[in-house]
Amino acid sequence: MSEYTATVYWQRLGAAFTDNKYSRAHEWRFDGGTVVPGSSAPSVVRAPLSDPTAVDPEEAFVASLSSCHMLFFLSFAAKQGFVVDSYEDRAVGVLAKNEAGKMAMTVVTLRPKVVFSGRAPTAEQLDELHHRSHEECFIASSVKTDVRCEPVA
């Protein structure tokens, strides 16, 4: 068992607060010292009460699924002797009402484009690498969201 921590820090900074007109900008602080500006999504709370330049939880959710998939993919490709030169995934998450009528990330579609040098996997091997990566991804295994992978050639 392993534990992972993140500190989320927000300050009121003098806003009245009870009028609901306070900034949603905050920080995500990680154990290695990285600080990431966070905010609500501007589509949920309009600027200037949100910070469009910061990462919102919905984007972070999509990125964590994509990142987890990629890390497993790179490991499995290396173990099979495939050399990956680059991996780019323009993942998309859909926020919509779920079966219970609540807003939720209902679908996340990963669209990884992988460039290999030397011997490249066959289409079947590439599909298997992505399938295995999805099956082993800790984050994908932790959510109810329909996570799809549509590799880009």
N, C-alpha and C. Protein backbone atom coordinates (compact mmCIF):
# COMPACT_ATOMS: atom_id res chain seq x y z
N MET A 1 0.84 -1.19 0.00
CA MET A 1 0.00 0.00 0.00
C MET A 1 0.88 1.24 0.00
N SER A 2 0.51 2.21 -0.77
CA SER A 2 1.21 3.49 -0.83
C SER A 2 0.20 4.61 -0.62
N GLU A 3 0.68 5.69 -0.06
CA GLU A 3 -0.16 6.88 0.11
C GLU A 3 0.43 8.03 -0.70
N TYR A 4 -0.44 8.82 -1.26
CA TYR A 4 -0.04 9.98 -2.04
C TYR A 4 -0.77 11.18 -1.48
N THR A 5 -0.08 12.29 -1.36
CA THR A 5 -0.70 13.46 -0.78
C THR A 5 -0.57 14.67 -1.70
N ALA A 6 -1.48 15.56 -1.53
CA ALA A 6 -1.45 16.86 -2.18
C ALA A 6 -2.09 17.83 -1.19
N THR A 7 -1.57 19.02 -1.16
CA THR A 7 -2.15 20.06 -0.32
C THR A 7 -2.85 21.06 -1.22
N VAL A 8 -4.10 21.31 -0.94
CA VAL A 8 -4.87 22.32 -1.67
C VAL A 8 -5.02 23.50 -0.72
N TYR A 9 -4.57 24.68 -1.18
CA TYR A 9 -4.56 25.86 -0.31
C TYR A 9 -5.31 27.01 -0.97
N TRP A 10 -6.24 27.62 -0.22
CA TRP A 10 -7.03 28.75 -0.68
C TRP A 10 -7.10 29.77 0.45
N GLN A 11 -7.13 31.05 0.11
CA GLN A 11 -7.34 32.13 1.08
C GLN A 11 -8.45 33.04 0.60
N ARG A 12 -9.20 33.59 1.52
CA ARG A 12 -10.29 34.50 1.19
C ARG A 12 -9.76 35.84 0.69
N LEU A 13 -8.66 36.31 1.24
CA LEU A 13 -8.04 37.57 0.82
C LEU A 13 -8.98 38.77 0.88
N GLY A 14 -9.78 38.84 1.92
CA GLY A 14 -10.60 40.01 2.16
C GLY A 14 -11.94 40.04 1.48
N ALA A 15 -12.25 39.10 0.62
CA ALA A 15 -13.56 39.08 -0.05
C ALA A 15 -14.67 38.88 0.98
N ALA A 16 -15.84 39.39 0.69
CA ALA A 16 -16.96 39.28 1.63
C ALA A 16 -17.37 37.82 1.87
N PHE A 17 -17.21 36.96 0.91
CA PHE A 17 -17.45 35.53 0.97
C PHE A 17 -18.92 35.12 0.94
N THR A 18 -19.73 35.59 1.86
CA THR A 18 -21.13 35.14 1.93
C THR A 18 -21.96 35.63 0.74
N ASP A 19 -21.44 36.56 -0.03
CA ASP A 19 -22.14 36.99 -1.25
C ASP A 19 -21.79 36.09 -2.44
N ASN A 20 -20.92 35.09 -2.20
CA ASN A 20 -20.49 34.12 -3.20
C ASN A 20 -19.65 34.74 -4.31
N LYS A 21 -19.08 35.92 -4.04
CA LYS A 21 -18.26 36.61 -5.04
C LYS A 21 -16.79 36.60 -4.62
N TYR A 22 -16.31 35.47 -4.23
CA TYR A 22 -14.91 35.30 -3.83
C TYR A 22 -14.15 34.56 -4.93
N SER A 23 -12.85 34.75 -4.96
CA SER A 23 -12.02 34.09 -5.96
C SER A 23 -11.95 32.59 -5.70
N ARG A 24 -12.03 31.84 -6.76
CA ARG A 24 -11.88 30.38 -6.67
C ARG A 24 -10.44 29.96 -6.93
N ALA A 25 -9.57 30.92 -7.19
CA ALA A 25 -8.16 30.60 -7.43
C ALA A 25 -7.53 30.04 -6.16
N HIS A 26 -6.73 29.02 -6.33
CA HIS A 26 -6.06 28.37 -5.20
C HIS A 26 -4.78 27.71 -5.69
N GLU A 27 -4.10 26.99 -4.84
CA GLU A 27 -2.87 26.30 -5.22
C GLU A 27 -2.97 24.82 -4.89
N TRP A 28 -2.33 24.03 -5.73
CA TRP A 28 -2.12 22.61 -5.44
C TRP A 28 -0.64 22.49 -5.14
N ARG A 29 -0.31 21.99 -3.98
CA ARG A 29 1.09 21.84 -3.57
C ARG A 29 1.42 20.36 -3.44
N PHE A 30 2.52 19.96 -4.07
CA PHE A 30 2.91 18.56 -4.08
C PHE A 30 4.23 18.35 -3.33
N ASP A 31 4.46 17.10 -2.91
CA ASP A 31 5.59 16.80 -2.03
C ASP A 31 6.95 17.14 -2.61
N GLY A 32 7.10 17.14 -3.92
CA GLY A 32 8.38 17.47 -4.53
C GLY A 32 8.64 18.96 -4.61
N GLY A 33 7.70 19.77 -4.14
CA GLY A 33 7.86 21.21 -4.17
C GLY A 33 7.11 21.91 -5.29
N THR A 34 6.53 21.16 -6.18
CA THR A 34 5.79 21.76 -7.29
C THR A 34 4.49 22.39 -6.78
N VAL A 35 4.26 23.60 -7.24
CA VAL A 35 3.02 24.31 -6.92
C VAL A 35 2.31 24.58 -8.24
N VAL A 36 1.06 24.16 -8.33
CA VAL A 36 0.26 24.33 -9.53
C VAL A 36 -0.91 25.25 -9.23
N PRO A 37 -1.07 26.32 -10.02
CA PRO A 37 -2.24 27.17 -9.81
C PRO A 37 -3.51 26.42 -10.16
N GLY A 38 -4.47 26.43 -9.28
CA GLY A 38 -5.74 25.77 -9.49
C GLY A 38 -6.88 26.77 -9.43
N SER A 39 -8.02 26.39 -10.00
CA SER A 39 -9.20 27.24 -9.98
C SER A 39 -10.40 26.41 -10.39
N SER A 40 -11.56 26.96 -10.20
CA SER A 40 -12.74 26.35 -10.80
C SER A 40 -12.65 26.56 -12.31
N ALA A 41 -13.36 25.75 -13.05
CA ALA A 41 -13.40 25.92 -14.50
C ALA A 41 -14.17 27.20 -14.83
N PRO A 42 -13.66 28.00 -15.76
CA PRO A 42 -14.38 29.22 -16.14
C PRO A 42 -15.78 28.94 -16.68
N SER A 43 -16.03 27.74 -17.15
CA SER A 43 -17.37 27.39 -17.63
C SER A 43 -18.33 27.14 -16.46
N VAL A 44 -17.78 26.93 -15.27
CA VAL A 44 -18.59 26.70 -14.07
C VAL A 44 -18.75 27.99 -13.28
N VAL A 45 -17.63 28.69 -13.06
CA VAL A 45 -17.63 29.98 -12.37
C VAL A 45 -16.86 30.95 -13.27
N ARG A 46 -17.53 31.95 -13.76
CA ARG A 46 -16.92 32.88 -14.72
C ARG A 46 -15.81 33.72 -14.10
N ALA A 47 -14.83 34.08 -14.96
CA ALA A 47 -13.78 35.02 -14.58
C ALA A 47 -14.47 36.35 -14.27
N PRO A 48 -14.00 37.14 -13.38
CA PRO A 48 -12.71 37.03 -12.70
C PRO A 48 -12.75 36.19 -11.42
N LEU A 49 -13.89 35.56 -11.11
CA LEU A 49 -13.94 34.74 -9.90
C LEU A 49 -13.23 33.41 -10.07
N SER A 50 -12.99 33.00 -11.32
CA SER A 50 -12.12 31.86 -11.60
C SER A 50 -10.93 32.37 -12.38
N ASP A 51 -9.88 31.57 -12.43
CA ASP A 51 -8.67 31.94 -13.16
C ASP A 51 -8.53 31.02 -14.36
N PRO A 52 -8.82 31.53 -15.56
CA PRO A 52 -8.76 30.69 -16.75
C PRO A 52 -7.37 30.15 -17.06
N THR A 53 -6.33 30.75 -16.50
CA THR A 53 -4.96 30.27 -16.75
C THR A 53 -4.56 29.14 -15.82
N ALA A 54 -5.36 28.88 -14.80
CA ALA A 54 -5.05 27.83 -13.83
C ALA A 54 -5.67 26.49 -14.27
N VAL A 55 -5.21 25.43 -13.63
CA VAL A 55 -5.74 24.10 -13.90
C VAL A 55 -7.00 23.90 -13.07
N ASP A 56 -8.07 23.46 -13.71
CA ASP A 56 -9.28 23.18 -12.95
C ASP A 56 -9.38 21.67 -12.69
N PRO A 57 -10.19 21.25 -11.72
CA PRO A 57 -10.27 19.84 -11.37
C PRO A 57 -10.66 18.93 -12.54
N GLU A 58 -11.50 19.43 -13.42
CA GLU A 58 -11.93 18.63 -14.56
C GLU A 58 -10.75 18.36 -15.49
N GLU A 59 -9.96 19.40 -15.78
CA GLU A 59 -8.76 19.21 -16.61
C GLU A 59 -7.78 18.27 -15.94
N ALA A 60 -7.61 18.42 -14.64
CA ALA A 60 -6.67 17.57 -13.90
C ALA A 60 -7.11 16.11 -13.94
N PHE A 61 -8.41 15.87 -13.87
CA PHE A 61 -8.94 14.52 -13.94
C PHE A 61 -8.59 13.88 -15.29
N VAL A 62 -8.84 14.60 -16.36
CA VAL A 62 -8.52 14.11 -17.71
C VAL A 62 -7.02 13.88 -17.84
N ALA A 63 -6.23 14.84 -17.37
CA ALA A 63 -4.76 14.72 -17.47
C ALA A 63 -4.25 13.53 -16.67
N SER A 64 -4.83 13.27 -15.49
CA SER A 64 -4.33 12.16 -14.68
C SER A 64 -4.62 10.82 -15.37
N LEU A 65 -5.78 10.68 -16.00
CA LEU A 65 -6.08 9.46 -16.75
C LEU A 65 -5.12 9.29 -17.92
N SER A 66 -4.89 10.37 -18.65
CA SER A 66 -4.00 10.33 -19.80
C SER A 66 -2.56 10.02 -19.37
N SER A 67 -2.10 10.68 -18.33
CA SER A 67 -0.73 10.49 -17.85
C SER A 67 -0.51 9.06 -17.37
N CYS A 68 -1.45 8.53 -16.61
CA CYS A 68 -1.34 7.16 -16.10
C CYS A 68 -1.26 6.17 -17.26
N HIS A 69 -2.14 6.32 -18.24
CA HIS A 69 -2.14 5.44 -19.42
C HIS A 69 -0.79 5.52 -20.12
N MET A 70 -0.29 6.74 -20.33
CA MET A 70 0.98 6.92 -21.02
C MET A 70 2.14 6.25 -20.28
N LEU A 71 2.19 6.41 -18.98
CA LEU A 71 3.30 5.85 -18.22
C LEU A 71 3.33 4.33 -18.31
N PHE A 72 2.17 3.70 -18.26
CA PHE A 72 2.12 2.24 -18.45
C PHE A 72 2.50 1.88 -19.88
N PHE A 73 2.00 2.64 -20.86
CA PHE A 73 2.30 2.37 -22.26
C PHE A 73 3.81 2.42 -22.50
N LEU A 74 4.47 3.46 -22.01
CA LEU A 74 5.92 3.59 -22.22
C LEU A 74 6.67 2.41 -21.60
N SER A 75 6.27 2.02 -20.42
CA SER A 75 6.92 0.89 -19.74
C SER A 75 6.73 -0.41 -20.53
N PHE A 76 5.52 -0.68 -20.96
CA PHE A 76 5.25 -1.91 -21.70
C PHE A 76 5.95 -1.90 -23.06
N ALA A 77 5.98 -0.75 -23.73
CA ALA A 77 6.66 -0.66 -25.03
C ALA A 77 8.15 -0.93 -24.85
N ALA A 78 8.76 -0.33 -23.83
CA ALA A 78 10.19 -0.53 -23.59
C ALA A 78 10.49 -2.00 -23.31
N LYS A 79 9.65 -2.64 -22.51
CA LYS A 79 9.85 -4.06 -22.19
C LYS A 79 9.76 -4.95 -23.42
N GLN A 80 9.02 -4.51 -24.42
CA GLN A 80 8.87 -5.29 -25.65
C GLN A 80 9.89 -4.88 -26.72
N GLY A 81 10.79 -3.95 -26.37
CA GLY A 81 11.86 -3.56 -27.28
C GLY A 81 11.49 -2.50 -28.29
N PHE A 82 10.36 -1.83 -28.10
CA PHE A 82 9.96 -0.74 -29.00
C PHE A 82 10.50 0.56 -28.45
N VAL A 83 11.09 1.38 -29.31
CA VAL A 83 11.64 2.66 -28.90
C VAL A 83 10.64 3.77 -29.23
N VAL A 84 10.13 4.42 -28.19
CA VAL A 84 9.17 5.50 -28.37
C VAL A 84 9.93 6.82 -28.40
N ASP A 85 9.77 7.57 -29.47
CA ASP A 85 10.39 8.89 -29.59
C ASP A 85 9.51 9.99 -29.01
N SER A 86 8.21 9.87 -29.21
CA SER A 86 7.30 10.87 -28.65
C SER A 86 5.92 10.24 -28.45
N TYR A 87 5.20 10.85 -27.53
CA TYR A 87 3.85 10.40 -27.19
C TYR A 87 3.06 11.66 -26.90
N GLU A 88 2.00 11.89 -27.67
CA GLU A 88 1.16 13.06 -27.45
C GLU A 88 -0.29 12.62 -27.40
N ASP A 89 -0.98 13.05 -26.36
CA ASP A 89 -2.38 12.68 -26.20
C ASP A 89 -3.20 13.93 -25.95
N ARG A 90 -4.07 14.24 -26.86
CA ARG A 90 -5.00 15.36 -26.69
C ARG A 90 -6.32 14.79 -26.16
N ALA A 91 -6.28 14.42 -24.90
CA ALA A 91 -7.41 13.76 -24.25
C ALA A 91 -8.56 14.75 -24.04
N VAL A 92 -9.77 14.22 -24.10
CA VAL A 92 -10.97 15.04 -23.94
C VAL A 92 -11.90 14.39 -22.94
N GLY A 93 -12.38 15.17 -21.98
CA GLY A 93 -13.36 14.70 -21.02
C GLY A 93 -14.69 15.40 -21.26
N VAL A 94 -15.76 14.66 -21.09
CA VAL A 94 -17.11 15.21 -21.27
C VAL A 94 -17.78 15.29 -19.91
N LEU A 95 -18.16 16.51 -19.53
CA LEU A 95 -18.91 16.75 -18.30
C LEU A 95 -20.38 16.82 -18.69
N ALA A 96 -21.16 15.88 -18.17
CA ALA A 96 -22.58 15.82 -18.52
C ALA A 96 -23.32 15.17 -17.36
N LYS A 97 -24.63 15.15 -17.45
CA LYS A 97 -25.42 14.49 -16.41
C LYS A 97 -25.28 12.97 -16.55
N ASN A 98 -25.05 12.32 -15.43
CA ASN A 98 -24.95 10.87 -15.42
C ASN A 98 -26.35 10.25 -15.24
N GLU A 99 -26.40 8.93 -15.06
CA GLU A 99 -27.68 8.23 -14.93
C GLU A 99 -28.50 8.74 -13.75
N ALA A 100 -27.80 9.23 -12.71
CA ALA A 100 -28.49 9.74 -11.52
C ALA A 100 -28.90 11.20 -11.66
N GLY A 101 -28.61 11.80 -12.83
CA GLY A 101 -28.96 13.20 -13.06
C GLY A 101 -27.97 14.19 -12.48
N LYS A 102 -26.81 13.69 -12.03
CA LYS A 102 -25.77 14.56 -11.46
C LYS A 102 -24.71 14.86 -12.51
N MET A 103 -24.13 16.05 -12.42
CA MET A 103 -23.03 16.39 -13.32
C MET A 103 -21.83 15.53 -12.95
N ALA A 104 -21.23 14.92 -13.99
CA ALA A 104 -20.09 14.04 -13.78
C ALA A 104 -19.27 13.96 -15.06
N MET A 105 -18.02 13.59 -14.93
CA MET A 105 -17.21 13.27 -16.10
C MET A 105 -17.71 11.92 -16.57
N THR A 106 -18.48 11.92 -17.64
CA THR A 106 -19.13 10.69 -18.09
C THR A 106 -18.28 9.90 -19.07
N VAL A 107 -17.47 10.59 -19.85
CA VAL A 107 -16.60 9.93 -20.83
C VAL A 107 -15.28 10.69 -20.90
N VAL A 108 -14.19 9.96 -20.89
CA VAL A 108 -12.88 10.54 -21.18
C VAL A 108 -12.31 9.75 -22.35
N THR A 109 -11.96 10.45 -23.41
CA THR A 109 -11.39 9.80 -24.59
C THR A 109 -9.93 10.19 -24.71
N LEU A 110 -9.09 9.17 -24.68
CA LEU A 110 -7.65 9.36 -24.88
C LEU A 110 -7.37 9.20 -26.37
N ARG A 111 -6.54 10.07 -26.91
CA ARG A 111 -6.20 10.00 -28.33
C ARG A 111 -4.67 10.06 -28.48
N PRO A 112 -4.00 9.00 -28.01
CA PRO A 112 -2.54 9.03 -28.05
C PRO A 112 -1.98 8.86 -29.47
N LYS A 113 -1.05 9.72 -29.78
CA LYS A 113 -0.29 9.62 -31.04
C LYS A 113 1.14 9.28 -30.63
N VAL A 114 1.60 8.11 -31.03
CA VAL A 114 2.90 7.62 -30.61
C VAL A 114 3.81 7.52 -31.82
N VAL A 115 5.03 8.06 -31.69
CA VAL A 115 6.03 7.97 -32.75
C VAL A 115 7.14 7.05 -32.26
N PHE A 116 7.45 6.05 -33.07
CA PHE A 116 8.49 5.08 -32.74
C PHE A 116 9.69 5.29 -33.67
N SER A 117 10.87 4.90 -33.20
CA SER A 117 12.02 4.82 -34.11
C SER A 117 12.45 3.36 -34.15
N GLY A 118 13.03 2.95 -35.28
CA GLY A 118 13.40 1.55 -35.42
C GLY A 118 12.16 0.71 -35.66
N ARG A 119 12.15 -0.47 -35.07
CA ARG A 119 11.04 -1.41 -35.24
C ARG A 119 9.81 -0.89 -34.52
N ALA A 120 8.73 -0.73 -35.29
CA ALA A 120 7.46 -0.27 -34.71
C ALA A 120 6.55 -1.47 -34.50
N PRO A 121 5.65 -1.37 -33.54
CA PRO A 121 4.72 -2.48 -33.33
C PRO A 121 3.74 -2.60 -34.49
N THR A 122 3.25 -3.81 -34.69
CA THR A 122 2.17 -4.01 -35.66
C THR A 122 0.92 -3.36 -35.10
N ALA A 123 -0.11 -3.25 -35.92
CA ALA A 123 -1.38 -2.67 -35.44
C ALA A 123 -1.93 -3.48 -34.28
N GLU A 124 -1.81 -4.80 -34.35
CA GLU A 124 -2.31 -5.66 -33.28
C GLU A 124 -1.49 -5.45 -32.00
N GLN A 125 -0.17 -5.35 -32.13
CA GLN A 125 0.69 -5.12 -30.96
C GLN A 125 0.40 -3.76 -30.33
N LEU A 126 0.17 -2.75 -31.18
CA LEU A 126 -0.14 -1.42 -30.67
C LEU A 126 -1.46 -1.43 -29.91
N ASP A 127 -2.46 -2.09 -30.47
CA ASP A 127 -3.74 -2.22 -29.77
C ASP A 127 -3.56 -2.91 -28.44
N GLU A 128 -2.77 -3.96 -28.41
CA GLU A 128 -2.54 -4.70 -27.16
C GLU A 128 -1.80 -3.83 -26.14
N LEU A 129 -0.83 -3.05 -26.58
CA LEU A 129 -0.12 -2.14 -25.67
C LEU A 129 -1.10 -1.16 -25.03
N HIS A 130 -1.99 -0.59 -25.83
CA HIS A 130 -2.97 0.36 -25.29
C HIS A 130 -3.99 -0.35 -24.40
N HIS A 131 -4.44 -1.53 -24.81
CA HIS A 131 -5.40 -2.27 -23.99
C HIS A 131 -4.79 -2.61 -22.63
N ARG A 132 -3.59 -3.14 -22.66
CA ARG A 132 -2.92 -3.50 -21.40
C ARG A 132 -2.67 -2.27 -20.53
N SER A 133 -2.29 -1.17 -21.15
CA SER A 133 -2.06 0.08 -20.41
C SER A 133 -3.33 0.54 -19.73
N HIS A 134 -4.45 0.45 -20.44
CA HIS A 134 -5.74 0.84 -19.85
C HIS A 134 -6.11 -0.09 -18.70
N GLU A 135 -5.90 -1.38 -18.88
CA GLU A 135 -6.24 -2.35 -17.85
C GLU A 135 -5.41 -2.17 -16.58
N GLU A 136 -4.17 -1.75 -16.73
CA GLU A 136 -3.26 -1.62 -15.58
C GLU A 136 -3.27 -0.23 -14.95
N CYS A 137 -3.80 0.76 -15.65
CA CYS A 137 -3.79 2.14 -15.14
C CYS A 137 -4.54 2.24 -13.81
N PHE A 138 -3.82 2.70 -12.80
CA PHE A 138 -4.41 2.84 -11.46
C PHE A 138 -5.59 3.79 -11.45
N ILE A 139 -5.47 4.88 -12.20
CA ILE A 139 -6.51 5.91 -12.19
C ILE A 139 -7.76 5.40 -12.91
N ALA A 140 -7.58 4.79 -14.08
CA ALA A 140 -8.73 4.25 -14.81
C ALA A 140 -9.44 3.18 -14.00
N SER A 141 -8.70 2.42 -13.23
CA SER A 141 -9.29 1.38 -12.38
C SER A 141 -10.02 1.97 -11.18
N SER A 142 -9.84 3.25 -10.93
CA SER A 142 -10.40 3.90 -9.74
C SER A 142 -11.67 4.68 -10.00
N VAL A 143 -12.07 4.79 -11.26
CA VAL A 143 -13.21 5.66 -11.58
C VAL A 143 -14.32 4.91 -12.30
N LYS A 144 -15.52 5.48 -12.23
CA LYS A 144 -16.68 4.92 -12.94
C LYS A 144 -16.79 5.45 -14.36
N THR A 145 -16.06 6.51 -14.66
CA THR A 145 -16.13 7.13 -15.97
C THR A 145 -15.79 6.14 -17.08
N ASP A 146 -16.46 6.24 -18.18
CA ASP A 146 -16.14 5.44 -19.36
C ASP A 146 -14.87 6.04 -19.96
N VAL A 147 -13.75 5.32 -19.84
CA VAL A 147 -12.48 5.79 -20.37
C VAL A 147 -12.21 5.03 -21.66
N ARG A 148 -12.09 5.77 -22.76
CA ARG A 148 -11.88 5.17 -24.07
C ARG A 148 -10.50 5.54 -24.60
N CYS A 149 -9.93 4.67 -25.39
CA CYS A 149 -8.64 4.96 -26.01
C CYS A 149 -8.80 4.81 -27.51
N GLU A 150 -8.51 5.91 -28.23
CA GLU A 150 -8.59 5.92 -29.69
C GLU A 150 -7.25 6.39 -30.24
N PRO A 151 -6.27 5.46 -30.37
CA PRO A 151 -4.94 5.85 -30.84
C PRO A 151 -4.99 6.55 -32.19
N VAL A 152 -4.12 7.52 -32.35
CA VAL A 152 -4.02 8.29 -33.58
C VAL A 152 -2.79 7.81 -34.34
N ALA A 153 -2.97 7.51 -35.60
CA ALA A 153 -1.85 7.02 -36.43
C ALA A 153 -1.05 8.19 -36.97
